[in-house]
Structures are given as C-alpha cells and as structure tokens.
C-alpha atoms as a PDB file:
ATOM      1  CA  MET A   1      26.048  55.641 -21.954  1.00  0.00           C
ATOM      2  CA  TYR A   2      28.057  52.715 -23.273  1.00  0.00           C
ATOM      3  CA  ILE A   3      29.032  49.342 -21.858  1.00  0.00           C
ATOM      4  CA  ASN A   4      31.731  47.046 -23.203  1.00  0.00           C
ATOM      5  CA  CYS A   5      30.333  43.599 -23.998  1.00  0.00           C
ATOM      6  CA  LYS A   6      32.891  41.134 -25.354  1.00  0.00           C
ATOM      7  CA  GLY A   7      34.928  43.909 -26.915  1.00  0.00           C
ATOM      8  CA  ARG A   8      31.887  45.605 -28.437  1.00  0.00           C
ATOM      9  CA  LEU A   9      30.722  49.007 -27.236  1.00  0.00           C
ATOM     10  CA  LEU A  10      26.983  48.861 -26.711  1.00  0.00           C
ATOM     11  CA  SER A  11      25.099  52.144 -26.483  1.00  0.00           C
ATOM     12  CA  LEU A  12      22.304  52.425 -23.937  1.00  0.00           C
ATOM     13  CA  SER A  13      21.068  55.734 -25.336  1.00  0.00           C
ATOM     14  CA  SER A  14      18.180  53.655 -26.660  1.00  0.00           C
ATOM     15  CA  PRO A  15      16.751  51.391 -23.912  1.00  0.00           C
ATOM     16  CA  LYS A  16      17.423  47.688 -24.292  1.00  0.00           C
ATOM     17  CA  VAL A  17      15.429  44.581 -23.409  1.00  0.00           C
ATOM     18  CA  MET A  18      16.836  41.613 -21.488  1.00  0.00           C
ATOM     19  CA  GLY A  19      14.963  38.349 -21.922  1.00  0.00           C
ATOM     20  CA  ILE A  20      14.818  35.955 -18.962  1.00  0.00           C
ATOM     21  CA  LEU A  21      15.795  32.316 -19.554  1.00  0.00           C
ATOM     22  CA  ASN A  22      15.482  30.357 -16.337  1.00  0.00           C
ATOM     23  CA  CYS A  23      17.022  26.905 -16.200  1.00  0.00           C
ATOM     24  CA  THR A  24      15.637  26.218 -12.731  1.00  0.00           C
ATOM     25  CA  PRO A  25      12.807  23.886 -11.737  1.00  0.00           C
ATOM     26  CA  ASP A  26      11.329  26.340  -9.207  1.00  0.00           C
ATOM     27  CA  SER A  27      11.278  29.811 -10.763  1.00  0.00           C
ATOM     28  CA  PHE A  28       8.071  31.643  -9.755  1.00  0.00           C
ATOM     29  CA  PHE A  29       6.839  32.049 -13.345  1.00  0.00           C
ATOM     30  CA  ASP A  30       8.573  29.664 -15.746  1.00  0.00           C
ATOM     31  CA  GLY A  31      10.178  27.081 -13.472  1.00  0.00           C
ATOM     32  CA  GLY A  32      10.778  23.791 -15.246  1.00  0.00           C
ATOM     33  CA  LYS A  33       9.290  25.105 -18.494  1.00  0.00           C
ATOM     34  CA  TYR A  34      12.443  24.536 -20.544  1.00  0.00           C
ATOM     35  CA  ARG A  35      13.293  20.911 -19.930  1.00  0.00           C
ATOM     36  CA  ASN A  36      15.719  20.119 -22.742  1.00  0.00           C
ATOM     37  CA  GLU A  37      18.067  21.710 -25.260  1.00  0.00           C
ATOM     38  CA  ALA A  38      15.430  22.072 -27.957  1.00  0.00           C
ATOM     39  CA  GLU A  39      13.051  23.972 -25.671  1.00  0.00           C
ATOM     40  CA  LEU A  40      15.838  26.252 -24.402  1.00  0.00           C
ATOM     41  CA  LEU A  41      16.970  27.035 -27.949  1.00  0.00           C
ATOM     42  CA  THR A  42      13.419  27.639 -29.153  1.00  0.00           C
ATOM     43  CA  GLN A  43      12.770  30.132 -26.366  1.00  0.00           C
ATOM     44  CA  ALA A  44      16.117  31.892 -26.836  1.00  0.00           C
ATOM     45  CA  GLU A  45      15.550  32.139 -30.594  1.00  0.00           C
ATOM     46  CA  LYS A  46      12.072  33.560 -29.998  1.00  0.00           C
ATOM     47  CA  MET A  47      13.376  36.236 -27.629  1.00  0.00           C
ATOM     48  CA  LEU A  48      16.204  37.234 -29.960  1.00  0.00           C
ATOM     49  CA  ALA A  49      13.822  37.417 -32.942  1.00  0.00           C
ATOM     50  CA  GLU A  50      11.496  39.623 -30.912  1.00  0.00           C
ATOM     51  CA  GLY A  51      14.296  42.098 -30.212  1.00  0.00           C
ATOM     52  CA  ALA A  52      16.076  41.071 -27.011  1.00  0.00           C
ATOM     53  CA  THR A  53      19.571  42.526 -26.724  1.00  0.00           C
ATOM     54  CA  PHE A  54      20.496  40.272 -23.796  1.00  0.00           C
ATOM     55  CA  ILE A  55      19.518  36.782 -22.671  1.00  0.00           C
ATOM     56  CA  ASP A  56      19.681  36.479 -18.880  1.00  0.00           C
ATOM     57  CA  VAL A  57      20.454  32.903 -17.812  1.00  0.00           C
ATOM     58  CA  GLY A  58      19.557  31.951 -14.252  1.00  0.00           C
ATOM     59  CA  ALA A  59      20.266  28.640 -12.549  1.00  0.00           C
ATOM     60  CA  TYR A  60      19.271  29.532  -8.967  1.00  0.00           C
ATOM     61  CA  SER A  61      15.775  30.795  -8.273  1.00  0.00           C
ATOM     62  CA  SER A  62      15.884  33.978  -6.200  1.00  0.00           C
ATOM     63  CA  LYS A  63      12.164  34.082  -5.406  1.00  0.00           C
ATOM     64  CA  PRO A  64      11.285  34.523  -1.696  1.00  0.00           C
ATOM     65  CA  ASN A  65      12.046  31.375   0.302  1.00  0.00           C
ATOM     66  CA  ALA A  66      13.634  29.745  -2.744  1.00  0.00           C
ATOM     67  CA  GLU A  67      15.172  26.319  -2.297  1.00  0.00           C
ATOM     68  CA  PHE A  68      18.918  26.425  -1.632  1.00  0.00           C
ATOM     69  CA  VAL A  69      21.048  25.263  -4.570  1.00  0.00           C
ATOM     70  CA  THR A  70      24.655  24.211  -4.118  1.00  0.00           C
ATOM     71  CA  GLU A  71      27.421  25.843  -6.108  1.00  0.00           C
ATOM     72  CA  GLU A  72      28.043  22.575  -7.947  1.00  0.00           C
ATOM     73  CA  GLN A  73      24.364  22.251  -8.895  1.00  0.00           C
ATOM     74  CA  GLU A  74      24.323  25.823 -10.168  1.00  0.00           C
ATOM     75  CA  LEU A  75      27.436  25.225 -12.260  1.00  0.00           C
ATOM     76  CA  GLN A  76      25.980  22.015 -13.699  1.00  0.00           C
ATOM     77  CA  ARG A  77      22.833  23.874 -14.728  1.00  0.00           C
ATOM     78  CA  ALA A  78      24.308  27.142 -15.979  1.00  0.00           C
ATOM     79  CA  VAL A  79      27.504  26.338 -17.874  1.00  0.00           C
ATOM     80  CA  PRO A  80      25.959  23.900 -20.402  1.00  0.00           C
ATOM     81  CA  VAL A  81      23.149  26.380 -21.151  1.00  0.00           C
ATOM     82  CA  VAL A  82      25.627  29.195 -21.831  1.00  0.00           C
ATOM     83  CA  GLU A  83      27.712  26.903 -24.041  1.00  0.00           C
ATOM     84  CA  LEU A  84      24.582  25.792 -25.909  1.00  0.00           C
ATOM     85  CA  LEU A  85      23.428  29.352 -26.571  1.00  0.00           C
ATOM     86  CA  VAL A  86      26.848  30.532 -27.715  1.00  0.00           C
ATOM     87  CA  LYS A  87      27.169  27.539 -30.045  1.00  0.00           C
ATOM     88  CA  HIS A  88      23.839  28.248 -31.772  1.00  0.00           C
ATOM     89  CA  PHE A  89      23.834  32.064 -31.484  1.00  0.00           C
ATOM     90  CA  PRO A  90      27.510  33.131 -31.627  1.00  0.00           C
ATOM     91  CA  ASP A  91      26.734  36.852 -31.344  1.00  0.00           C
ATOM     92  CA  VAL A  92      24.355  36.529 -28.393  1.00  0.00           C
ATOM     93  CA  LEU A  93      24.997  38.708 -25.337  1.00  0.00           C
ATOM     94  CA  ILE A  94      24.352  36.519 -22.289  1.00  0.00           C
ATOM     95  CA  SER A  95      24.105  37.830 -18.758  1.00  0.00           C
ATOM     96  CA  ILE A  96      24.556  35.272 -16.016  1.00  0.00           C
ATOM     97  CA  ASP A  97      22.238  35.687 -13.044  1.00  0.00           C
ATOM     98  CA  THR A  98      24.366  34.525 -10.110  1.00  0.00           C
ATOM     99  CA  PHE A  99      25.772  35.772  -6.818  1.00  0.00           C
ATOM    100  CA  ARG A 100      28.645  33.266  -6.837  1.00  0.00           C
ATOM    101  CA  ALA A 101      32.093  34.179  -8.140  1.00  0.00           C
ATOM    102  CA  LYS A 102      32.934  30.676  -9.383  1.00  0.00           C
ATOM    103  CA  VAL A 103      29.709  30.487 -11.378  1.00  0.00           C
ATOM    104  CA  ALA A 104      30.326  33.951 -12.798  1.00  0.00           C
ATOM    105  CA  GLU A 105      33.861  33.056 -13.870  1.00  0.00           C
ATOM    106  CA  ALA A 106      32.925  29.675 -15.363  1.00  0.00           C
ATOM    107  CA  THR A 107      30.038  31.073 -17.387  1.00  0.00           C
ATOM    108  CA  ILE A 108      31.958  34.137 -18.609  1.00  0.00           C
ATOM    109  CA  ASN A 109      34.720  31.766 -19.741  1.00  0.00           C
ATOM    110  CA  ALA A 110      32.002  29.728 -21.494  1.00  0.00           C
ATOM    111  CA  GLY A 111      30.894  32.778 -23.465  1.00  0.00           C
ATOM    112  CA  ALA A 112      28.634  34.932 -21.273  1.00  0.00           C
ATOM    113  CA  ALA A 113      29.184  38.689 -21.427  1.00  0.00           C
ATOM    114  CA  VAL A 114      27.640  40.227 -18.280  1.00  0.00           C
ATOM    115  CA  VAL A 115      27.392  39.302 -14.588  1.00  0.00           C
ATOM    116  CA  ASN A 116      24.004  39.964 -12.978  1.00  0.00           C
ATOM    117  CA  ASP A 117      24.382  39.733  -9.183  1.00  0.00           C
ATOM    118  CA  ILE A 118      21.328  40.021  -6.928  1.00  0.00           C
ATOM    119  CA  ALA A 119      23.593  40.627  -3.916  1.00  0.00           C
ATOM    120  CA  ALA A 120      26.070  43.221  -5.291  1.00  0.00           C
ATOM    121  CA  GLY A 121      28.918  41.102  -3.971  1.00  0.00           C
ATOM    122  CA  LEU A 122      27.615  40.720  -0.428  1.00  0.00           C
ATOM    123  CA  LEU A 123      26.923  36.966  -0.633  1.00  0.00           C
ATOM    124  CA  ASP A 124      30.357  36.029  -2.015  1.00  0.00           C
ATOM    125  CA  GLU A 125      33.388  37.992  -0.890  1.00  0.00           C
ATOM    126  CA  ASN A 126      35.215  37.044  -4.101  1.00  0.00           C
ATOM    127  CA  MET A 127      32.548  38.210  -6.531  1.00  0.00           C
ATOM    128  CA  ILE A 128      33.542  41.826  -7.128  1.00  0.00           C
ATOM    129  CA  ALA A 129      37.251  41.034  -7.427  1.00  0.00           C
ATOM    130  CA  THR A 130      36.365  38.292  -9.907  1.00  0.00           C
ATOM    131  CA  VAL A 131      34.251  40.659 -12.014  1.00  0.00           C
ATOM    132  CA  GLY A 132      37.081  43.178 -11.964  1.00  0.00           C
ATOM    133  CA  LYS A 133      39.474  40.522 -13.205  1.00  0.00           C
ATOM    134  CA  LEU A 134      37.065  39.370 -15.926  1.00  0.00           C
ATOM    135  CA  LYS A 135      36.526  42.963 -17.171  1.00  0.00           C
ATOM    136  CA  VAL A 136      32.822  42.494 -17.893  1.00  0.00           C
ATOM    137  CA  PRO A 137      29.789  44.691 -17.148  1.00  0.00           C
ATOM    138  CA  TYR A 138      28.338  44.154 -13.678  1.00  0.00           C
ATOM    139  CA  ILE A 139      24.688  44.478 -12.737  1.00  0.00           C
ATOM    140  CA  MET A 140      24.453  45.091  -8.997  1.00  0.00           C
ATOM    141  CA  MET A 141      21.086  44.772  -7.299  1.00  0.00           C
ATOM    142  CA  HIS A 142      19.782  46.010  -3.977  1.00  0.00           C
ATOM    143  CA  MET A 143      18.800  43.260  -1.575  1.00  0.00           C
ATOM    144  CA  ARG A 144      19.076  42.458   2.097  1.00  0.00           C
ATOM    145  CA  GLY A 145      19.891  38.996   3.388  1.00  0.00           C
ATOM    146  CA  THR A 146      19.345  36.021   1.090  1.00  0.00           C
ATOM    147  CA  PRO A 147      16.367  34.752  -0.940  1.00  0.00           C
ATOM    148  CA  GLN A 148      15.558  32.609   2.096  1.00  0.00           C
ATOM    149  CA  THR A 149      15.587  35.509   4.626  1.00  0.00           C
ATOM    150  CA  MET A 150      14.812  38.698   2.690  1.00  0.00           C
ATOM    151  CA  VAL A 151      11.062  38.743   3.418  1.00  0.00           C
ATOM    152  CA  LYS A 152      11.881  39.425   7.106  1.00  0.00           C
ATOM    153  CA  LEU A 153      14.275  42.307   6.327  1.00  0.00           C
ATOM    154  CA  THR A 154      11.932  45.088   5.218  1.00  0.00           C
ATOM    155  CA  GLN A 155      12.425  47.624   8.019  1.00  0.00           C
ATOM    156  CA  TYR A 156      13.700  50.979   6.712  1.00  0.00           C
ATOM    157  CA  ASP A 157      13.641  54.526   8.073  1.00  0.00           C
ATOM    158  CA  ASP A 158      13.880  55.953   4.540  1.00  0.00           C
ATOM    159  CA  ILE A 159      14.080  53.193   1.959  1.00  0.00           C
ATOM    160  CA  VAL A 160      15.284  55.295  -0.973  1.00  0.00           C
ATOM    161  CA  GLN A 161      17.980  57.079   1.019  1.00  0.00           C
ATOM    162  CA  GLU A 162      19.175  53.772   2.475  1.00  0.00           C
ATOM    163  CA  MET A 163      19.253  52.223  -0.994  1.00  0.00           C
ATOM    164  CA  LEU A 164      21.248  55.154  -2.362  1.00  0.00           C
ATOM    165  CA  LEU A 165      23.773  54.724   0.449  1.00  0.00           C
ATOM    166  CA  TYR A 166      23.941  50.988  -0.268  1.00  0.00           C
ATOM    167  CA  PHE A 167      24.665  51.644  -3.942  1.00  0.00           C
ATOM    168  CA  SER A 168      27.290  54.298  -3.201  1.00  0.00           C
ATOM    169  CA  GLN A 169      29.138  51.792  -1.003  1.00  0.00           C
ATOM    170  CA  ARG A 170      28.861  48.917  -3.482  1.00  0.00           C
ATOM    171  CA  ILE A 171      29.886  51.111  -6.419  1.00  0.00           C
ATOM    172  CA  ALA A 172      32.960  52.309  -4.506  1.00  0.00           C
ATOM    173  CA  GLU A 173      33.897  48.700  -3.774  1.00  0.00           C
ATOM    174  CA  ALA A 174      33.456  47.741  -7.426  1.00  0.00           C
ATOM    175  CA  ARG A 175      35.547  50.680  -8.613  1.00  0.00           C
ATOM    176  CA  ARG A 176      38.261  49.702  -6.138  1.00  0.00           C
ATOM    177  CA  HIS A 177      38.491  46.333  -7.904  1.00  0.00           C
ATOM    178  CA  GLY A 178      38.585  47.784 -11.398  1.00  0.00           C
ATOM    179  CA  VAL A 179      34.979  47.200 -12.461  1.00  0.00           C
ATOM    180  CA  ASP A 180      34.404  49.734 -15.228  1.00  0.00           C
ATOM    181  CA  ASP A 181      30.827  49.132 -16.407  1.00  0.00           C
ATOM    182  CA  ILE A 182      28.228  49.095 -13.625  1.00  0.00           C
ATOM    183  CA  ILE A 183      24.445  48.858 -13.984  1.00  0.00           C
ATOM    184  CA  MET A 184      22.172  49.481 -10.997  1.00  0.00           C
ATOM    185  CA  ASP A 185      19.096  47.348 -10.294  1.00  0.00           C
ATOM    186  CA  PRO A 186      16.782  48.580  -7.471  1.00  0.00           C
ATOM    187  CA  GLY A 187      15.732  45.007  -6.798  1.00  0.00           C
ATOM    188  CA  PHE A 188      11.955  45.218  -6.946  1.00  0.00           C
ATOM    189  CA  GLY A 189      10.518  42.463  -4.779  1.00  0.00           C
ATOM    190  CA  PHE A 190      13.716  41.864  -2.815  1.00  0.00           C
ATOM    191  CA  ALA A 191      13.527  42.775   0.896  1.00  0.00           C
ATOM    192  CA  LYS A 192      10.696  45.199   0.136  1.00  0.00           C
ATOM    193  CA  THR A 193       7.014  45.231   1.028  1.00  0.00           C
ATOM    194  CA  LEU A 194       4.336  45.871  -1.570  1.00  0.00           C
ATOM    195  CA  GLY A 195       4.133  49.539  -0.584  1.00  0.00           C
ATOM    196  CA  GLN A 196       7.910  49.941  -0.530  1.00  0.00           C
ATOM    197  CA  ASN A 197       8.178  48.583  -4.080  1.00  0.00           C
ATOM    198  CA  TYR A 198       5.813  51.276  -5.313  1.00  0.00           C
ATOM    199  CA  GLU A 199       7.598  53.974  -3.334  1.00  0.00           C
ATOM    200  CA  VAL A 200      10.870  52.998  -5.008  1.00  0.00           C
ATOM    201  CA  MET A 201       9.212  52.932  -8.428  1.00  0.00           C
ATOM    202  CA  ASN A 202       7.678  56.360  -7.803  1.00  0.00           C
ATOM    203  CA  LYS A 203      11.128  57.774  -6.955  1.00  0.00           C
ATOM    204  CA  LEU A 204      13.133  55.751  -9.454  1.00  0.00           C
ATOM    205  CA  GLU A 205      14.549  58.850 -11.141  1.00  0.00           C
ATOM    206  CA  LEU A 206      16.511  59.627  -7.948  1.00  0.00           C
ATOM    207  CA  PHE A 207      18.783  56.674  -8.675  1.00  0.00           C
ATOM    208  CA  LYS A 208      20.021  58.432 -11.827  1.00  0.00           C
ATOM    209  CA  THR A 209      22.098  60.701  -9.570  1.00  0.00           C
ATOM    210  CA  ALA A 210      24.780  57.991  -9.549  1.00  0.00           C
ATOM    211  CA  GLY A 211      25.269  58.572 -13.279  1.00  0.00           C
ATOM    212  CA  LEU A 212      24.963  54.872 -14.078  1.00  0.00           C
ATOM    213  CA  PRO A 213      22.460  52.934 -16.220  1.00  0.00           C
ATOM    214  CA  LEU A 214      19.391  51.606 -14.431  1.00  0.00           C
ATOM    215  CA  LEU A 215      17.845  48.186 -14.941  1.00  0.00           C
ATOM    216  CA  SER A 216      14.202  47.631 -14.033  1.00  0.00           C
ATOM    217  CA  GLY A 217      13.043  44.076 -13.375  1.00  0.00           C
ATOM    218  CA  ILE A 218       9.366  43.932 -12.450  1.00  0.00           C
ATOM    219  CA  SER A 219       8.214  41.272 -14.915  1.00  0.00           C
ATOM    220  CA  ARG A 220       5.193  39.375 -13.526  1.00  0.00           C
ATOM    221  CA  LYS A 221       6.355  39.932  -9.929  1.00  0.00           C
ATOM    222  CA  SER A 222       4.200  39.790  -6.814  1.00  0.00           C
ATOM    223  CA  MET A 223       4.154  43.597  -6.553  1.00  0.00           C
ATOM    224  CA  LEU A 224       1.850  43.344  -9.572  1.00  0.00           C
ATOM    225  CA  TYR A 225      -0.255  40.255  -9.082  1.00  0.00           C
ATOM    226  CA  LYS A 226      -0.773  40.745  -5.345  1.00  0.00           C
ATOM    227  CA  LEU A 227      -1.916  44.316  -5.931  1.00  0.00           C
ATOM    228  CA  LEU A 228      -4.203  43.313  -8.806  1.00  0.00           C
ATOM    229  CA  GLY A 229      -5.503  40.117  -7.222  1.00  0.00           C
ATOM    230  CA  ASN A 230      -4.416  37.829 -10.021  1.00  0.00           C
ATOM    231  CA  THR A 231      -1.506  35.480 -10.791  1.00  0.00           C
ATOM    232  CA  PRO A 232       1.945  35.713 -12.415  1.00  0.00           C
ATOM    233  CA  GLN A 233       0.372  34.261 -15.556  1.00  0.00           C
ATOM    234  CA  GLU A 234      -2.138  37.132 -15.619  1.00  0.00           C
ATOM    235  CA  ALA A 235       0.341  39.926 -14.814  1.00  0.00           C
ATOM    236  CA  LEU A 236       1.541  40.876 -18.305  1.00  0.00           C
ATOM    237  CA  ASN A 237      -0.656  43.976 -18.512  1.00  0.00           C
ATOM    238  CA  GLY A 238       0.643  45.251 -15.175  1.00  0.00           C
ATOM    239  CA  THR A 239       4.203  44.453 -16.255  1.00  0.00           C
ATOM    240  CA  THR A 240       3.814  46.549 -19.392  1.00  0.00           C
ATOM    241  CA  ALA A 241       2.368  49.453 -17.417  1.00  0.00           C
ATOM    242  CA  LEU A 242       5.303  49.546 -15.003  1.00  0.00           C
ATOM    243  CA  ASN A 243       7.819  48.988 -17.798  1.00  0.00           C
ATOM    244  CA  MET A 244       6.609  52.238 -19.343  1.00  0.00           C
ATOM    245  CA  VAL A 245       6.840  54.010 -15.973  1.00  0.00           C
ATOM    246  CA  SER A 246      10.384  52.646 -15.596  1.00  0.00           C
ATOM    247  CA  LEU A 247      11.412  54.012 -18.982  1.00  0.00           C
ATOM    248  CA  MET A 248       9.885  57.415 -18.257  1.00  0.00           C
ATOM    249  CA  LYS A 249      11.863  57.553 -15.005  1.00  0.00           C
ATOM    250  CA  GLY A 250      15.167  56.677 -16.645  1.00  0.00           C
ATOM    251  CA  ALA A 251      15.548  52.898 -16.902  1.00  0.00           C
ATOM    252  CA  LYS A 252      17.880  51.816 -19.705  1.00  0.00           C
ATOM    253  CA  ILE A 253      17.313  48.043 -19.513  1.00  0.00           C
ATOM    254  CA  LEU A 254      14.036  46.177 -19.004  1.00  0.00           C
ATOM    255  CA  ARG A 255      14.466  42.617 -17.704  1.00  0.00           C
ATOM    256  CA  VAL A 256      11.396  40.670 -18.814  1.00  0.00           C
ATOM    257  CA  HIS A 257       9.800  37.322 -19.561  1.00  0.00           C
ATOM    258  CA  ASP A 258       7.822  38.784 -22.472  1.00  0.00           C
ATOM    259  CA  VAL A 259      10.226  40.362 -24.944  1.00  0.00           C
ATOM    260  CA  LYS A 260       7.814  41.339 -27.722  1.00  0.00           C
ATOM    261  CA  GLU A 261       5.657  43.455 -25.428  1.00  0.00           C
ATOM    262  CA  ALA A 262       8.683  45.099 -23.804  1.00  0.00           C
ATOM    263  CA  VAL A 263      10.238  45.979 -27.172  1.00  0.00           C
ATOM    264  CA  GLU A 264       6.935  47.515 -28.244  1.00  0.00           C
ATOM    265  CA  THR A 265       6.879  49.542 -25.020  1.00  0.00           C
ATOM    266  CA  VAL A 266      10.383  50.854 -25.781  1.00  0.00           C
ATOM    267  CA  ARG A 267       9.299  51.820 -29.307  1.00  0.00           C
ATOM    268  CA  ILE A 268       6.307  53.750 -27.971  1.00  0.00           C
ATOM    269  CA  TYR A 269       8.468  55.466 -25.351  1.00  0.00           C
ATOM    270  CA  GLU A 270      11.026  56.484 -27.973  1.00  0.00           C
ATOM    271  CA  ALA A 271       8.318  57.878 -30.226  1.00  0.00           C
ATOM    272  CA  MET A 272       7.005  59.943 -27.303  1.00  0.00           C
ATOM    273  CA  THR A 273      10.461  61.327 -26.462  1.00  0.00           C
ATOM    274  CA  ALA A 274      11.879  61.750 -29.970  1.00  0.00           C
ATOM    275  CA  ASN A 275      11.556  65.559 -29.986  1.00  0.00           C
END
C-alpha cells in the first residue's frame, strides 16, 4: 500500500504514526496547551524526533458537544500553524483535520499534504470535489450528524454492516471525483456508545475488505477512560493496549497524542510479525 504525499510515494507496509497537534482552546486532552509559536514548534519537533510520520493539525475541536467554530476562525487558526511548521520543518507531512473544503484548500496550498475529514464529505458538499482537485490523500471517517449532535445518533441495527455500507458509498463518491488515495477511519467515539466502540474494535479486520489503509484513532478517548474509571490524562496505558489491538487487526496508521509510545508499539508489533 502506497499513498502519494507531495509527490513522494509513502509505503504503508510498515505502520505509521500520526502525531496530534491541536491548535484549539477546547480539545478534550490538550486544548489550549500550545499557546504560541515556540510551544507549537517544540511539540512538533518532539513528535518528529520520536518517529511521527505525520503531524495532524486541528483547528476545530470535534469532541462531543464541541463549541461551534466559524470557517473564518478555523482558517485563522490553521493556516498560520501549517505555514509555521513547513517553514521550520520543510519535509514534514502535515494532515489537516477539517471537514470544510475552504480550510482544506487553504492549508494544502500552505504546505499540508493530507486532508483528514471527520465527516467524509457529508458536512461540506464541496469537500470531496476539492480533494479530488487538490490530488492529495483523503482520510474519511465514519460519523453521524455533527460534533454537536452525534451523541444522540447511536441507534444501529448492525453497526459494522451499516458502517461498511457508509464507507462503500463515500468511497464511490470520492472515486467519482478523482480521489486516488483514500484512508478509512472507523471514527471511534463518534456517534457510537461505549459498547459499540468495542464492537467495532473487535471486528476491525472486517474493514480491510475495502482494500484501503485503515487509520485507528483511539488516543486517550472516552471509550478508554470511561471504561477504566480514570481521566484522559491517565489513559495512556489503555491507549497503548488498543493501539496494539488495532495493529493486529490491520491498522496502518495510529493517530495519537503520545508518539514515542505508539512508535514503540509499532516496533513490537513488527517484531512479532516479522516471520
């Protein structure tokens, strides 16, 4: 499996780690933590040194009931961060976490390499056509509704089958618009109950039937800390456990807050599966 990032073919035969860099004041784990350029650069440098292949920049918190952010606010937050990272780390592969086509286009033009869309094009009718025009890899996630409404949209007859249908429809739409490189994200924590998240994780290998790379993003999420009775700050051990499960079930990208631990998990997984 290869994806084309800024004219460079990147192999996903060895799983990769995506480090999360939130430039939002209300992210569930690190909101407001990086308040200036120096702090953003320090964190990005740390993640790259620890082995991150991608830096995922988000300027709109997608946690349940997140505060609405206007398109202009998102642009004002995201574009300068992308420009800053590209200036200091010219070879960095940045994914932009947005569901808005204008934000995707502006940040790709500023130097980002991948679009990471929590809504798979369903919250902006121009998104998929824009990605097709930009010719960049597209991460499409499963979600229902919006971050403000998704907690009420957890009724499924068969969650995995309905998710597979969702992805088949979104993939067909992306192909229709010339999107070549597609990565599937099951969307842990999005329009799913605690039990549903674990059902999807248990059956994660079924999503490989689409023949596309899988991204697993469970870092410090409520499916961990609510189950374990702790907090996001205490959920690193649970994150590592499910990162290993994700790899064993076929995930090719781990999206995480803690890069060092995720890279170590990949190394252990690869040692286990080397022969």
